[in-house]
């Protein structure tokens, strides 16, 4: 059995480690530069920029979901953007990913938000297949663009 809970400041070291494990899986380890100090400020500082849910299996951390608030001008409502979801390989196929989504949907509804969105790498077929089982629809007509500010 597992537990989904909100992260606390004491989770910062394991959050950073999970980010690095996710980056390694996504072949982007060289881009995983966040320090514990940066994460602490961003997640628990004066103006938190994001929130994190943690999955626990007994005493072990099995995964995390990091998300933040967006806004839809068309809907006239905020939304949730799931930046990262990662379940350690040995804990996969136990319902943890689905539980993260259930909790995010519940939070969004409680907050009267309009939608939950996220991006996935085109080659990540296990994730794409999982998202389809949830009823998620790809937004193929949209192309993500980015400008790095640092």
N, C-alpha and C. Protein backbone atom coordinates (compact mmCIF):
# COMPACT_ATOMS: atom_id res chain seq x y z
N UNK A 1 0.84 -1.18 0.00
CA UNK A 1 0.00 0.00 0.00
C UNK A 1 0.88 1.24 0.00
N UNK A 2 0.35 2.32 -0.51
CA UNK A 2 1.13 3.56 -0.58
C UNK A 2 0.30 4.72 -0.08
N UNK A 3 0.98 5.83 0.17
CA UNK A 3 0.36 7.06 0.65
C UNK A 3 0.79 8.20 -0.26
N UNK A 4 -0.15 9.04 -0.67
CA UNK A 4 0.16 10.27 -1.40
C UNK A 4 -0.03 11.41 -0.41
N UNK A 5 0.99 12.26 -0.28
CA UNK A 5 0.94 13.36 0.67
C UNK A 5 1.64 14.58 0.09
N UNK A 6 1.37 15.74 0.68
CA UNK A 6 2.07 16.97 0.29
C UNK A 6 3.49 16.92 0.82
N UNK A 7 4.41 17.48 0.05
CA UNK A 7 5.81 17.54 0.47
C UNK A 7 5.98 18.55 1.60
N UNK A 8 7.03 18.34 2.37
CA UNK A 8 7.42 19.26 3.43
C UNK A 8 8.87 19.68 3.16
N UNK A 9 9.35 20.74 3.82
CA UNK A 9 10.75 21.14 3.61
C UNK A 9 11.76 20.03 3.85
N UNK A 10 11.45 19.09 4.74
CA UNK A 10 12.40 18.00 4.99
C UNK A 10 12.52 17.05 3.79
N UNK A 11 11.61 17.15 2.83
CA UNK A 11 11.66 16.31 1.62
C UNK A 11 12.60 16.85 0.55
N UNK A 12 13.13 18.05 0.73
CA UNK A 12 13.94 18.67 -0.32
C UNK A 12 15.07 17.76 -0.83
N UNK A 13 15.87 17.12 0.02
CA UNK A 13 16.94 16.27 -0.54
C UNK A 13 16.42 15.14 -1.43
N UNK A 14 15.32 14.48 -1.02
CA UNK A 14 14.80 13.38 -1.84
C UNK A 14 14.11 13.92 -3.09
N UNK A 15 13.50 15.09 -3.02
CA UNK A 15 12.91 15.69 -4.23
C UNK A 15 14.01 15.94 -5.25
N UNK A 16 15.12 16.51 -4.79
CA UNK A 16 16.25 16.76 -5.71
C UNK A 16 16.75 15.45 -6.31
N UNK A 17 16.85 14.40 -5.50
CA UNK A 17 17.30 13.10 -6.00
C UNK A 17 16.32 12.54 -7.02
N UNK A 18 15.03 12.66 -6.76
CA UNK A 18 14.02 12.18 -7.71
C UNK A 18 14.08 12.95 -9.02
N UNK A 19 14.32 14.26 -8.94
CA UNK A 19 14.47 15.06 -10.16
C UNK A 19 15.65 14.54 -10.98
N UNK A 20 16.73 14.22 -10.31
CA UNK A 20 17.91 13.69 -11.02
C UNK A 20 17.61 12.31 -11.63
N UNK A 21 16.87 11.48 -10.93
CA UNK A 21 16.50 10.17 -11.47
C UNK A 21 15.59 10.32 -12.69
N UNK A 22 14.65 11.26 -12.62
CA UNK A 22 13.79 11.54 -13.77
C UNK A 22 14.62 12.06 -14.94
N UNK A 23 15.52 12.98 -14.67
CA UNK A 23 16.36 13.55 -15.73
C UNK A 23 17.21 12.47 -16.39
N UNK A 24 17.70 11.55 -15.60
CA UNK A 24 18.49 10.45 -16.17
C UNK A 24 17.61 9.60 -17.08
N UNK A 25 16.39 9.28 -16.64
CA UNK A 25 15.46 8.50 -17.45
C UNK A 25 15.14 9.23 -18.76
N UNK A 26 14.98 10.54 -18.69
CA UNK A 26 14.64 11.32 -19.87
C UNK A 26 15.86 11.72 -20.71
N UNK A 27 17.02 11.22 -20.32
CA UNK A 27 18.27 11.51 -21.04
C UNK A 27 18.62 13.00 -20.99
N UNK A 28 18.31 13.64 -19.87
CA UNK A 28 18.54 15.08 -19.70
C UNK A 28 19.29 15.39 -18.41
N UNK A 29 20.07 14.44 -17.93
CA UNK A 29 20.73 14.61 -16.64
C UNK A 29 21.59 15.87 -16.59
N UNK A 30 22.22 16.23 -17.69
CA UNK A 30 23.06 17.43 -17.68
C UNK A 30 22.25 18.71 -17.45
N UNK A 31 20.94 18.66 -17.67
CA UNK A 31 20.09 19.83 -17.45
C UNK A 31 19.53 19.91 -16.04
N UNK A 32 19.70 18.88 -15.24
CA UNK A 32 19.16 18.86 -13.88
C UNK A 32 20.12 19.60 -12.94
N UNK A 33 20.01 20.91 -12.92
CA UNK A 33 20.93 21.76 -12.18
C UNK A 33 20.38 22.29 -10.86
N UNK A 34 19.12 22.05 -10.56
CA UNK A 34 18.49 22.62 -9.36
C UNK A 34 19.22 22.19 -8.10
N UNK A 35 19.48 23.16 -7.23
CA UNK A 35 20.11 22.87 -5.94
C UNK A 35 19.02 22.72 -4.87
N UNK A 36 19.40 22.18 -3.75
CA UNK A 36 18.45 22.06 -2.64
C UNK A 36 17.99 23.45 -2.19
N UNK A 37 18.90 24.41 -2.19
CA UNK A 37 18.54 25.77 -1.78
C UNK A 37 17.51 26.38 -2.74
N UNK A 38 17.71 26.19 -4.03
CA UNK A 38 16.76 26.70 -5.02
C UNK A 38 15.39 26.04 -4.85
N UNK A 39 15.39 24.75 -4.66
CA UNK A 39 14.12 24.03 -4.49
C UNK A 39 13.41 24.49 -3.22
N UNK A 40 14.16 24.68 -2.15
CA UNK A 40 13.56 25.14 -0.90
C UNK A 40 12.88 26.49 -1.09
N UNK A 41 13.57 27.43 -1.75
CA UNK A 41 12.98 28.75 -2.01
C UNK A 41 11.75 28.64 -2.91
N UNK A 42 11.86 27.85 -3.97
CA UNK A 42 10.78 27.75 -4.95
C UNK A 42 9.54 27.04 -4.39
N UNK A 43 9.74 26.07 -3.52
CA UNK A 43 8.63 25.28 -3.02
C UNK A 43 8.09 25.75 -1.67
N UNK A 44 8.95 26.33 -0.85
CA UNK A 44 8.54 26.66 0.52
C UNK A 44 8.92 28.08 0.93
N UNK A 45 9.36 28.89 -0.02
CA UNK A 45 9.76 30.25 0.29
C UNK A 45 8.57 31.19 0.48
N UNK A 46 8.88 32.48 0.50
CA UNK A 46 7.86 33.50 0.73
C UNK A 46 6.74 33.45 -0.31
N UNK A 47 7.11 33.18 -1.56
CA UNK A 47 6.12 33.09 -2.65
C UNK A 47 6.32 31.77 -3.39
N UNK A 48 5.77 30.67 -2.89
CA UNK A 48 6.00 29.37 -3.54
C UNK A 48 5.58 29.39 -5.01
N UNK A 49 6.45 28.85 -5.85
CA UNK A 49 6.19 28.81 -7.29
C UNK A 49 5.56 27.49 -7.72
N UNK A 50 5.66 26.47 -6.89
CA UNK A 50 5.16 25.15 -7.24
C UNK A 50 4.83 24.38 -5.97
N UNK A 51 4.15 23.26 -6.17
CA UNK A 51 3.82 22.36 -5.08
C UNK A 51 4.28 20.96 -5.48
N UNK A 52 4.44 20.11 -4.48
CA UNK A 52 4.89 18.75 -4.73
C UNK A 52 4.06 17.77 -3.91
N UNK A 53 3.66 16.70 -4.56
CA UNK A 53 3.07 15.55 -3.89
C UNK A 53 4.12 14.45 -3.85
N UNK A 54 4.14 13.72 -2.75
CA UNK A 54 5.08 12.63 -2.57
C UNK A 54 4.30 11.32 -2.45
N UNK A 55 4.87 10.25 -2.96
CA UNK A 55 4.30 8.91 -2.78
C UNK A 55 5.23 8.13 -1.86
N UNK A 56 4.66 7.56 -0.82
CA UNK A 56 5.43 6.75 0.12
C UNK A 56 4.92 5.32 0.09
N UNK A 57 5.85 4.39 0.11
CA UNK A 57 5.54 2.98 0.28
C UNK A 57 6.30 2.56 1.53
N UNK A 58 5.57 2.41 2.61
CA UNK A 58 6.24 2.17 3.90
C UNK A 58 7.16 3.33 4.20
N UNK A 59 8.41 3.05 4.55
CA UNK A 59 9.34 4.13 4.86
C UNK A 59 10.03 4.73 3.63
N UNK A 60 9.79 4.17 2.45
CA UNK A 60 10.48 4.60 1.24
C UNK A 60 9.67 5.60 0.43
N UNK A 61 10.37 6.54 -0.20
CA UNK A 61 9.74 7.47 -1.14
C UNK A 61 9.73 6.79 -2.51
N UNK A 62 8.54 6.64 -3.07
CA UNK A 62 8.37 5.93 -4.34
C UNK A 62 8.35 6.87 -5.54
N UNK A 63 7.97 8.15 -5.33
CA UNK A 63 7.89 9.06 -6.46
C UNK A 63 7.39 10.42 -6.03
N UNK A 64 7.25 11.29 -7.04
CA UNK A 64 6.78 12.65 -6.78
C UNK A 64 6.04 13.20 -7.98
N UNK A 65 5.23 14.21 -7.72
CA UNK A 65 4.56 14.97 -8.77
C UNK A 65 4.72 16.44 -8.41
N UNK A 66 5.33 17.21 -9.29
CA UNK A 66 5.55 18.64 -9.08
C UNK A 66 4.64 19.40 -10.05
N UNK A 67 3.88 20.35 -9.51
CA UNK A 67 2.90 21.07 -10.33
C UNK A 67 2.80 22.52 -9.87
N UNK A 68 2.20 23.34 -10.74
CA UNK A 68 2.00 24.75 -10.41
C UNK A 68 0.74 25.27 -11.09
N UNK A 69 0.33 26.47 -10.68
CA UNK A 69 -0.88 27.07 -11.20
C UNK A 69 -0.60 27.80 -12.51
N UNK A 70 -1.51 27.62 -13.45
CA UNK A 70 -1.50 28.37 -14.71
C UNK A 70 -2.79 29.18 -14.77
N UNK A 71 -3.01 29.85 -15.88
CA UNK A 71 -4.28 30.56 -16.06
C UNK A 71 -4.71 30.47 -17.52
N UNK A 72 -5.98 30.19 -17.73
CA UNK A 72 -6.54 30.14 -19.08
C UNK A 72 -7.39 31.39 -19.31
N UNK A 73 -6.98 32.21 -20.24
CA UNK A 73 -7.78 33.39 -20.56
C UNK A 73 -9.10 32.98 -21.20
N UNK A 74 -9.12 31.89 -21.94
CA UNK A 74 -10.36 31.45 -22.59
C UNK A 74 -11.36 30.94 -21.56
N UNK A 75 -10.90 30.12 -20.61
CA UNK A 75 -11.80 29.59 -19.59
C UNK A 75 -12.06 30.61 -18.48
N UNK A 76 -11.16 31.58 -18.35
CA UNK A 76 -11.30 32.56 -17.28
C UNK A 76 -11.04 31.95 -15.91
N UNK A 77 -10.25 30.87 -15.89
CA UNK A 77 -9.97 30.16 -14.65
C UNK A 77 -8.50 29.75 -14.59
N UNK A 78 -8.00 29.57 -13.36
CA UNK A 78 -6.68 28.95 -13.24
C UNK A 78 -6.75 27.48 -13.64
N UNK A 79 -5.59 26.89 -13.78
CA UNK A 79 -5.47 25.47 -14.05
C UNK A 79 -4.23 24.95 -13.37
N UNK A 80 -4.03 23.65 -13.45
CA UNK A 80 -2.82 23.04 -12.92
C UNK A 80 -1.96 22.58 -14.08
N UNK A 81 -0.66 22.82 -13.96
CA UNK A 81 0.29 22.29 -14.93
C UNK A 81 1.20 21.32 -14.19
N UNK A 82 1.19 20.08 -14.62
CA UNK A 82 2.04 19.05 -14.05
C UNK A 82 3.40 19.13 -14.74
N UNK A 83 4.37 19.63 -14.04
CA UNK A 83 5.72 19.78 -14.61
C UNK A 83 6.43 18.43 -14.67
N UNK A 84 6.38 17.69 -13.58
CA UNK A 84 7.07 16.40 -13.52
C UNK A 84 6.28 15.41 -12.70
N UNK A 85 6.23 14.18 -13.19
CA UNK A 85 5.70 13.06 -12.43
C UNK A 85 6.69 11.93 -12.63
N UNK A 86 7.14 11.37 -11.53
CA UNK A 86 8.12 10.29 -11.63
C UNK A 86 7.86 9.28 -10.53
N UNK A 87 7.77 8.01 -10.92
CA UNK A 87 7.67 6.91 -9.99
C UNK A 87 8.90 6.03 -10.22
N UNK A 88 9.63 5.77 -9.15
CA UNK A 88 10.83 4.94 -9.28
C UNK A 88 10.45 3.59 -9.88
N UNK A 89 11.30 3.06 -10.76
CA UNK A 89 10.95 1.83 -11.50
C UNK A 89 10.44 0.68 -10.64
N UNK A 90 11.03 0.44 -9.48
CA UNK A 90 10.62 -0.72 -8.67
C UNK A 90 9.22 -0.56 -8.07
N UNK A 91 8.67 0.67 -8.13
CA UNK A 91 7.34 0.92 -7.58
C UNK A 91 6.26 1.09 -8.65
N UNK A 92 6.66 0.99 -9.90
CA UNK A 92 5.69 1.18 -10.99
C UNK A 92 4.72 0.01 -11.07
N UNK A 93 3.59 0.26 -11.72
CA UNK A 93 2.53 -0.73 -11.93
C UNK A 93 1.83 -1.12 -10.62
N UNK A 94 1.81 -0.17 -9.68
CA UNK A 94 1.11 -0.39 -8.42
C UNK A 94 0.03 0.65 -8.18
N UNK A 95 -0.28 1.46 -9.21
CA UNK A 95 -1.33 2.45 -9.07
C UNK A 95 -0.88 3.81 -8.57
N UNK A 96 0.42 4.01 -8.38
CA UNK A 96 0.91 5.28 -7.83
C UNK A 96 0.70 6.42 -8.83
N UNK A 97 1.02 6.21 -10.09
CA UNK A 97 0.81 7.25 -11.09
C UNK A 97 -0.66 7.65 -11.17
N UNK A 98 -1.52 6.68 -11.20
CA UNK A 98 -2.96 6.96 -11.24
C UNK A 98 -3.40 7.70 -9.98
N UNK A 99 -2.84 7.34 -8.83
CA UNK A 99 -3.18 8.03 -7.58
C UNK A 99 -2.71 9.49 -7.61
N UNK A 100 -1.54 9.74 -8.20
CA UNK A 100 -1.10 11.13 -8.35
C UNK A 100 -2.12 11.92 -9.17
N UNK A 101 -2.55 11.35 -10.29
CA UNK A 101 -3.52 12.05 -11.13
C UNK A 101 -4.85 12.24 -10.41
N UNK A 102 -5.29 11.25 -9.67
CA UNK A 102 -6.53 11.39 -8.91
C UNK A 102 -6.42 12.55 -7.92
N UNK A 103 -5.29 12.64 -7.24
CA UNK A 103 -5.10 13.71 -6.26
C UNK A 103 -5.03 15.08 -6.95
N UNK A 104 -4.35 15.16 -8.09
CA UNK A 104 -4.28 16.43 -8.82
C UNK A 104 -5.65 16.86 -9.32
N UNK A 105 -6.43 15.93 -9.83
CA UNK A 105 -7.79 16.24 -10.29
C UNK A 105 -8.64 16.71 -9.11
N UNK A 106 -8.53 16.02 -7.99
CA UNK A 106 -9.27 16.42 -6.78
C UNK A 106 -8.88 17.84 -6.36
N UNK A 107 -7.58 18.13 -6.31
CA UNK A 107 -7.12 19.48 -5.95
C UNK A 107 -7.67 20.52 -6.91
N UNK A 108 -7.58 20.23 -8.20
CA UNK A 108 -8.08 21.18 -9.20
C UNK A 108 -9.56 21.45 -9.04
N UNK A 109 -10.35 20.43 -8.79
CA UNK A 109 -11.79 20.60 -8.59
C UNK A 109 -12.08 21.38 -7.31
N UNK A 110 -11.37 21.05 -6.24
CA UNK A 110 -11.56 21.78 -4.98
C UNK A 110 -11.25 23.27 -5.14
N UNK A 111 -10.29 23.59 -5.99
CA UNK A 111 -9.88 24.98 -6.20
C UNK A 111 -10.68 25.66 -7.32
N UNK A 112 -11.62 24.95 -7.92
CA UNK A 112 -12.43 25.44 -9.03
C UNK A 112 -11.57 25.83 -10.23
N UNK A 113 -10.57 25.01 -10.52
CA UNK A 113 -9.70 25.21 -11.67
C UNK A 113 -10.35 24.58 -12.90
N UNK A 114 -9.91 25.03 -14.07
CA UNK A 114 -10.53 24.58 -15.30
C UNK A 114 -9.91 23.38 -15.98
N UNK A 115 -8.61 23.11 -15.72
CA UNK A 115 -7.99 21.99 -16.43
C UNK A 115 -6.66 21.60 -15.79
N UNK A 116 -6.21 20.42 -16.18
CA UNK A 116 -4.92 19.87 -15.80
C UNK A 116 -4.18 19.58 -17.10
N UNK A 117 -2.98 20.09 -17.22
CA UNK A 117 -2.20 19.88 -18.45
C UNK A 117 -0.78 19.45 -18.10
N UNK A 118 -0.11 18.83 -19.07
CA UNK A 118 1.28 18.43 -18.93
C UNK A 118 1.84 18.12 -20.30
N UNK A 119 3.14 17.97 -20.36
CA UNK A 119 3.82 17.59 -21.60
C UNK A 119 4.51 16.25 -21.39
N UNK A 120 4.72 15.54 -22.48
CA UNK A 120 5.42 14.26 -22.41
C UNK A 120 6.32 14.15 -23.64
N UNK A 121 7.48 13.56 -23.45
CA UNK A 121 8.39 13.36 -24.57
C UNK A 121 7.77 12.39 -25.57
N UNK A 122 7.92 12.69 -26.86
CA UNK A 122 7.31 11.88 -27.92
C UNK A 122 7.74 10.41 -27.88
N UNK A 123 8.95 10.14 -27.43
CA UNK A 123 9.46 8.76 -27.43
C UNK A 123 9.04 7.97 -26.20
N UNK A 124 8.43 8.62 -25.21
CA UNK A 124 8.10 7.95 -23.95
C UNK A 124 6.78 7.18 -24.08
N UNK A 125 6.83 6.09 -24.83
CA UNK A 125 5.63 5.31 -25.13
C UNK A 125 4.95 4.75 -23.88
N UNK A 126 5.70 4.29 -22.86
CA UNK A 126 4.99 3.82 -21.65
C UNK A 126 4.13 4.93 -21.02
N UNK A 127 4.67 6.15 -20.97
CA UNK A 127 3.90 7.26 -20.40
C UNK A 127 2.71 7.60 -21.30
N UNK A 128 2.92 7.65 -22.61
CA UNK A 128 1.84 7.97 -23.54
C UNK A 128 0.70 6.95 -23.41
N UNK A 129 1.06 5.69 -23.31
CA UNK A 129 0.05 4.63 -23.17
C UNK A 129 -0.71 4.81 -21.85
N UNK A 130 0.02 5.08 -20.77
CA UNK A 130 -0.62 5.30 -19.47
C UNK A 130 -1.58 6.47 -19.52
N UNK A 131 -1.17 7.58 -20.12
CA UNK A 131 -2.03 8.76 -20.18
C UNK A 131 -3.30 8.49 -20.99
N UNK A 132 -3.19 7.68 -22.03
CA UNK A 132 -4.38 7.32 -22.80
C UNK A 132 -5.37 6.54 -21.94
N UNK A 133 -4.86 5.70 -21.04
CA UNK A 133 -5.77 4.93 -20.18
C UNK A 133 -6.53 5.85 -19.22
N UNK A 134 -5.98 7.03 -18.95
CA UNK A 134 -6.65 7.99 -18.08
C UNK A 134 -7.69 8.83 -18.83
N UNK A 135 -7.70 8.70 -20.16
CA UNK A 135 -8.61 9.51 -20.97
C UNK A 135 -8.00 10.82 -21.41
N UNK A 136 -6.69 10.98 -21.23
CA UNK A 136 -6.02 12.22 -21.65
C UNK A 136 -5.98 12.30 -23.18
N UNK A 137 -6.09 13.51 -23.68
CA UNK A 137 -6.08 13.75 -25.12
C UNK A 137 -4.83 14.55 -25.49
N UNK A 138 -4.06 14.07 -26.48
CA UNK A 138 -2.91 14.85 -26.92
C UNK A 138 -3.36 16.12 -27.63
N UNK A 139 -2.63 17.17 -27.44
CA UNK A 139 -2.93 18.46 -28.07
C UNK A 139 -1.98 18.61 -29.26
N UNK A 140 -2.15 17.75 -30.26
CA UNK A 140 -1.22 17.67 -31.38
C UNK A 140 -1.13 18.94 -32.21
N UNK A 141 -2.16 19.76 -32.16
CA UNK A 141 -2.14 20.99 -32.97
C UNK A 141 -1.34 22.11 -32.31
N UNK A 142 -0.82 21.87 -31.10
CA UNK A 142 -0.03 22.87 -30.39
C UNK A 142 1.43 22.42 -30.36
N UNK A 143 2.34 23.34 -30.55
CA UNK A 143 3.76 23.07 -30.45
C UNK A 143 4.33 23.89 -29.30
N UNK A 144 4.99 23.21 -28.38
CA UNK A 144 5.59 23.89 -27.24
C UNK A 144 6.80 24.69 -27.73
N UNK A 145 6.90 25.91 -27.26
CA UNK A 145 8.05 26.76 -27.54
C UNK A 145 8.66 27.18 -26.21
N UNK A 146 9.95 27.51 -26.22
CA UNK A 146 10.63 27.87 -24.98
C UNK A 146 11.71 28.89 -25.25
N UNK A 147 11.84 29.81 -24.33
CA UNK A 147 12.99 30.72 -24.28
C UNK A 147 13.61 30.52 -22.90
N UNK A 148 14.85 30.08 -22.84
CA UNK A 148 15.54 29.95 -21.57
C UNK A 148 15.96 31.32 -21.09
N UNK A 149 15.67 31.62 -19.84
CA UNK A 149 15.94 32.94 -19.28
C UNK A 149 17.24 32.99 -18.47
N UNK A 150 17.92 31.88 -18.36
CA UNK A 150 19.18 31.92 -17.62
C UNK A 150 20.27 31.20 -18.37
